[in-house]
């Protein structure tokens, strides 16, 4: 003769994916511990990297959305053009390439981006749009930044 199953037993048997439920509960209980971290990609700083952004003639940042692109897509385009030109991003990241060597690649990306200027943009026809390259690196126990203007074009 079998014992009747109580209410908690019936609920436990009805739950699909019990292992997922247990892992979720463990993740909530443990908090920010790998592999339950919310941001595991930020757990290690390489010590050097770079980013690019759009700026006006005096170097003040200009929103990428004024040109129909996002900042991550701008960097992806830049990386793609580097690769297409036979340049290695690893050398750029390691600061082994001069800004002058990067200039033609940046100029090509900038001219395509400038052609997509949106209505209501903060820059008008005749204004200068530039691309800035910023190296971020660890030196002497501090994080340093160095900025370079690598391309510029006059908006039409």
C-alpha atoms as a PDB file:
ATOM      1  CA  UNK A   1       0.000   0.000   0.000  1.00  0.00           C
ATOM      2  CA  UNK A   2       1.467   3.378  -0.972  1.00  0.00           C
ATOM      3  CA  UNK A   3       1.593   6.386   1.282  1.00  0.00           C
ATOM      4  CA  UNK A   4      -0.398   9.421   0.191  1.00  0.00           C
ATOM      5  CA  UNK A   5       1.800  12.280  -1.126  1.00  0.00           C
ATOM      6  CA  UNK A   6       1.458  15.487   0.800  1.00  0.00           C
ATOM      7  CA  UNK A   7       0.888  18.913  -0.704  1.00  0.00           C
ATOM      8  CA  UNK A   8       4.616  19.939  -0.718  1.00  0.00           C
ATOM      9  CA  UNK A   9       5.536  16.657  -2.427  1.00  0.00           C
ATOM     10  CA  UNK A  10       2.974  17.215  -5.174  1.00  0.00           C
ATOM     11  CA  UNK A  11       4.285  20.739  -5.785  1.00  0.00           C
ATOM     12  CA  UNK A  12       7.920  19.544  -5.975  1.00  0.00           C
ATOM     13  CA  UNK A  13       7.019  16.809  -8.475  1.00  0.00           C
ATOM     14  CA  UNK A  14       5.094  19.303 -10.616  1.00  0.00           C
ATOM     15  CA  UNK A  15       8.053  21.686 -11.005  1.00  0.00           C
ATOM     16  CA  UNK A  16       9.806  21.193 -14.349  1.00  0.00           C
ATOM     17  CA  UNK A  17      13.568  21.783 -14.569  1.00  0.00           C
ATOM     18  CA  UNK A  18      14.273  21.282 -10.866  1.00  0.00           C
ATOM     19  CA  UNK A  19      18.032  21.648 -11.438  1.00  0.00           C
ATOM     20  CA  UNK A  20      17.573  25.085 -13.014  1.00  0.00           C
ATOM     21  CA  UNK A  21      15.474  26.156 -10.052  1.00  0.00           C
ATOM     22  CA  UNK A  22      18.171  24.962  -7.628  1.00  0.00           C
ATOM     23  CA  UNK A  23      20.953  26.732  -9.581  1.00  0.00           C
ATOM     24  CA  UNK A  24      18.930  29.963  -9.674  1.00  0.00           C
ATOM     25  CA  UNK A  25      18.376  29.789  -5.913  1.00  0.00           C
ATOM     26  CA  UNK A  26      22.100  29.120  -5.392  1.00  0.00           C
ATOM     27  CA  UNK A  27      22.985  32.078  -7.608  1.00  0.00           C
ATOM     28  CA  UNK A  28      20.706  34.379  -5.651  1.00  0.00           C
ATOM     29  CA  UNK A  29      22.137  33.142  -2.363  1.00  0.00           C
ATOM     30  CA  UNK A  30      25.787  33.413  -3.442  1.00  0.00           C
ATOM     31  CA  UNK A  31      25.527  36.831  -5.076  1.00  0.00           C
ATOM     32  CA  UNK A  32      28.457  38.049  -7.197  1.00  0.00           C
ATOM     33  CA  UNK A  33      30.460  34.832  -7.452  1.00  0.00           C
ATOM     34  CA  UNK A  34      31.516  33.261 -10.734  1.00  0.00           C
ATOM     35  CA  UNK A  35      29.631  31.808 -12.598  1.00  0.00           C
ATOM     36  CA  UNK A  36      26.735  33.609 -10.955  1.00  0.00           C
ATOM     37  CA  UNK A  37      28.143  37.097 -11.505  1.00  0.00           C
ATOM     38  CA  UNK A  38      26.012  39.615 -13.354  1.00  0.00           C
ATOM     39  CA  UNK A  39      29.079  41.073 -15.087  1.00  0.00           C
ATOM     40  CA  UNK A  40      31.677  38.326 -15.616  1.00  0.00           C
ATOM     41  CA  UNK A  41      33.178  40.121 -18.661  1.00  0.00           C
ATOM     42  CA  UNK A  42      34.418  42.929 -16.406  1.00  0.00           C
ATOM     43  CA  UNK A  43      36.234  40.639 -14.012  1.00  0.00           C
ATOM     44  CA  UNK A  44      39.638  41.168 -15.647  1.00  0.00           C
ATOM     45  CA  UNK A  45      41.287  44.337 -16.968  1.00  0.00           C
ATOM     46  CA  UNK A  46      43.783  43.671 -19.750  1.00  0.00           C
ATOM     47  CA  UNK A  47      45.997  46.584 -18.804  1.00  0.00           C
ATOM     48  CA  UNK A  48      45.599  48.342 -22.156  1.00  0.00           C
ATOM     49  CA  UNK A  49      42.809  49.038 -24.607  1.00  0.00           C
ATOM     50  CA  UNK A  50      41.503  51.812 -26.818  1.00  0.00           C
ATOM     51  CA  UNK A  51      38.268  53.400 -27.920  1.00  0.00           C
ATOM     52  CA  UNK A  52      37.227  55.800 -30.648  1.00  0.00           C
ATOM     53  CA  UNK A  53      34.641  58.541 -30.588  1.00  0.00           C
ATOM     54  CA  UNK A  54      33.280  61.328 -32.745  1.00  0.00           C
ATOM     55  CA  UNK A  55      34.077  64.926 -31.858  1.00  0.00           C
ATOM     56  CA  UNK A  56      33.677  68.450 -33.139  1.00  0.00           C
ATOM     57  CA  UNK A  57      36.562  70.655 -34.302  1.00  0.00           C
ATOM     58  CA  UNK A  58      37.579  71.566 -30.743  1.00  0.00           C
ATOM     59  CA  UNK A  59      37.503  67.946 -29.526  1.00  0.00           C
ATOM     60  CA  UNK A  60      34.182  68.034 -27.679  1.00  0.00           C
ATOM     61  CA  UNK A  61      32.332  64.700 -28.048  1.00  0.00           C
ATOM     62  CA  UNK A  62      29.453  64.516 -30.510  1.00  0.00           C
ATOM     63  CA  UNK A  63      26.684  61.921 -30.060  1.00  0.00           C
ATOM     64  CA  UNK A  64      27.071  59.031 -32.480  1.00  0.00           C
ATOM     65  CA  UNK A  65      23.284  58.890 -32.849  1.00  0.00           C
ATOM     66  CA  UNK A  66      23.504  62.201 -34.747  1.00  0.00           C
ATOM     67  CA  UNK A  67      25.119  60.099 -37.492  1.00  0.00           C
ATOM     68  CA  UNK A  68      22.904  57.022 -37.233  1.00  0.00           C
ATOM     69  CA  UNK A  69      25.434  54.828 -35.459  1.00  0.00           C
ATOM     70  CA  UNK A  70      26.169  53.700 -31.912  1.00  0.00           C
ATOM     71  CA  UNK A  71      29.548  53.891 -30.191  1.00  0.00           C
ATOM     72  CA  UNK A  72      30.040  50.086 -30.213  1.00  0.00           C
ATOM     73  CA  UNK A  73      29.215  49.954 -33.933  1.00  0.00           C
ATOM     74  CA  UNK A  74      31.659  52.782 -34.614  1.00  0.00           C
ATOM     75  CA  UNK A  75      34.430  50.763 -32.969  1.00  0.00           C
ATOM     76  CA  UNK A  76      33.385  47.606 -34.843  1.00  0.00           C
ATOM     77  CA  UNK A  77      33.528  49.450 -38.156  1.00  0.00           C
ATOM     78  CA  UNK A  78      36.920  50.834 -37.225  1.00  0.00           C
ATOM     79  CA  UNK A  79      38.194  47.347 -36.291  1.00  0.00           C
ATOM     80  CA  UNK A  80      36.822  45.930 -39.536  1.00  0.00           C
ATOM     81  CA  UNK A  81      38.571  48.606 -41.595  1.00  0.00           C
ATOM     82  CA  UNK A  82      41.825  47.971 -39.714  1.00  0.00           C
ATOM     83  CA  UNK A  83      41.601  44.307 -40.606  1.00  0.00           C
ATOM     84  CA  UNK A  84      40.721  45.145 -44.217  1.00  0.00           C
ATOM     85  CA  UNK A  85      43.817  47.349 -44.442  1.00  0.00           C
ATOM     86  CA  UNK A  86      46.006  44.504 -43.197  1.00  0.00           C
ATOM     87  CA  UNK A  87      46.639  46.120 -39.806  1.00  0.00           C
ATOM     88  CA  UNK A  88      46.411  44.105 -36.594  1.00  0.00           C
ATOM     89  CA  UNK A  89      44.210  45.354 -33.802  1.00  0.00           C
ATOM     90  CA  UNK A  90      46.542  43.747 -31.271  1.00  0.00           C
ATOM     91  CA  UNK A  91      49.317  46.117 -32.414  1.00  0.00           C
ATOM     92  CA  UNK A  92      46.946  49.067 -32.086  1.00  0.00           C
ATOM     93  CA  UNK A  93      45.894  47.979 -28.611  1.00  0.00           C
ATOM     94  CA  UNK A  94      49.557  47.576 -27.603  1.00  0.00           C
ATOM     95  CA  UNK A  95      50.270  51.122 -28.887  1.00  0.00           C
ATOM     96  CA  UNK A  96      52.714  49.781 -31.476  1.00  0.00           C
ATOM     97  CA  UNK A  97      51.085  51.767 -34.319  1.00  0.00           C
ATOM     98  CA  UNK A  98      51.419  55.498 -34.674  1.00  0.00           C
ATOM     99  CA  UNK A  99      48.283  57.639 -35.015  1.00  0.00           C
ATOM    100  CA  UNK A 100      49.575  58.611 -38.486  1.00  0.00           C
ATOM    101  CA  UNK A 101      49.474  54.957 -39.589  1.00  0.00           C
ATOM    102  CA  UNK A 102      45.910  54.662 -38.311  1.00  0.00           C
ATOM    103  CA  UNK A 103      44.790  57.913 -39.979  1.00  0.00           C
ATOM    104  CA  UNK A 104      43.829  56.594 -43.446  1.00  0.00           C
ATOM    105  CA  UNK A 105      41.679  53.853 -41.924  1.00  0.00           C
ATOM    106  CA  UNK A 106      39.997  56.294 -39.537  1.00  0.00           C
ATOM    107  CA  UNK A 107      39.456  58.788 -42.366  1.00  0.00           C
ATOM    108  CA  UNK A 108      37.573  56.209 -44.435  1.00  0.00           C
ATOM    109  CA  UNK A 109      35.313  55.284 -41.533  1.00  0.00           C
ATOM    110  CA  UNK A 110      34.732  58.935 -40.643  1.00  0.00           C
ATOM    111  CA  UNK A 111      33.757  59.950 -44.171  1.00  0.00           C
ATOM    112  CA  UNK A 112      31.166  57.162 -44.381  1.00  0.00           C
ATOM    113  CA  UNK A 113      29.776  58.075 -40.951  1.00  0.00           C
ATOM    114  CA  UNK A 114      29.694  61.792 -41.836  1.00  0.00           C
ATOM    115  CA  UNK A 115      27.582  60.993 -44.901  1.00  0.00           C
ATOM    116  CA  UNK A 116      24.837  59.643 -42.623  1.00  0.00           C
ATOM    117  CA  UNK A 117      24.345  62.889 -40.675  1.00  0.00           C
ATOM    118  CA  UNK A 118      20.773  63.066 -39.327  1.00  0.00           C
ATOM    119  CA  UNK A 119      18.439  66.042 -39.259  1.00  0.00           C
ATOM    120  CA  UNK A 120      18.760  67.850 -35.941  1.00  0.00           C
ATOM    121  CA  UNK A 121      22.429  66.940 -35.606  1.00  0.00           C
ATOM    122  CA  UNK A 122      24.464  69.158 -33.299  1.00  0.00           C
ATOM    123  CA  UNK A 123      26.886  69.792 -36.168  1.00  0.00           C
ATOM    124  CA  UNK A 124      25.735  71.487 -39.373  1.00  0.00           C
ATOM    125  CA  UNK A 125      27.069  71.607 -42.917  1.00  0.00           C
ATOM    126  CA  UNK A 126      30.465  73.303 -42.922  1.00  0.00           C
ATOM    127  CA  UNK A 127      31.350  72.139 -39.394  1.00  0.00           C
ATOM    128  CA  UNK A 128      34.288  69.811 -38.855  1.00  0.00           C
ATOM    129  CA  UNK A 129      33.706  66.271 -37.609  1.00  0.00           C
ATOM    130  CA  UNK A 130      36.731  64.455 -36.197  1.00  0.00           C
ATOM    131  CA  UNK A 131      37.469  60.974 -34.948  1.00  0.00           C
ATOM    132  CA  UNK A 132      39.422  60.687 -31.734  1.00  0.00           C
ATOM    133  CA  UNK A 133      41.429  57.647 -30.675  1.00  0.00           C
ATOM    134  CA  UNK A 134      41.967  57.203 -26.940  1.00  0.00           C
ATOM    135  CA  UNK A 135      44.432  54.724 -25.482  1.00  0.00           C
ATOM    136  CA  UNK A 136      43.634  53.526 -21.971  1.00  0.00           C
ATOM    137  CA  UNK A 137      46.394  51.681 -20.163  1.00  0.00           C
ATOM    138  CA  UNK A 138      47.821  50.849 -16.778  1.00  0.00           C
ATOM    139  CA  UNK A 139      51.141  52.464 -15.959  1.00  0.00           C
ATOM    140  CA  UNK A 140      52.817  52.771 -12.603  1.00  0.00           C
ATOM    141  CA  UNK A 141      49.770  51.502 -10.747  1.00  0.00           C
ATOM    142  CA  UNK A 142      47.409  54.105 -12.251  1.00  0.00           C
ATOM    143  CA  UNK A 143      45.132  54.128 -15.264  1.00  0.00           C
ATOM    144  CA  UNK A 144      46.298  56.570 -17.932  1.00  0.00           C
ATOM    145  CA  UNK A 145      44.637  57.952 -21.067  1.00  0.00           C
ATOM    146  CA  UNK A 146      46.165  59.442 -24.194  1.00  0.00           C
ATOM    147  CA  UNK A 147      43.972  61.006 -26.876  1.00  0.00           C
ATOM    148  CA  UNK A 148      44.801  61.572 -30.536  1.00  0.00           C
ATOM    149  CA  UNK A 149      42.884  63.171 -33.378  1.00  0.00           C
ATOM    150  CA  UNK A 150      43.204  60.570 -36.132  1.00  0.00           C
ATOM    151  CA  UNK A 151      40.810  61.886 -38.794  1.00  0.00           C
ATOM    152  CA  UNK A 152      38.728  64.887 -39.717  1.00  0.00           C
ATOM    153  CA  UNK A 153      36.274  65.947 -42.395  1.00  0.00           C
ATOM    154  CA  UNK A 154      34.088  68.937 -43.178  1.00  0.00           C
ATOM    155  CA  UNK A 155      30.376  68.090 -43.173  1.00  0.00           C
ATOM    156  CA  UNK A 156      28.417  68.672 -46.361  1.00  0.00           C
END
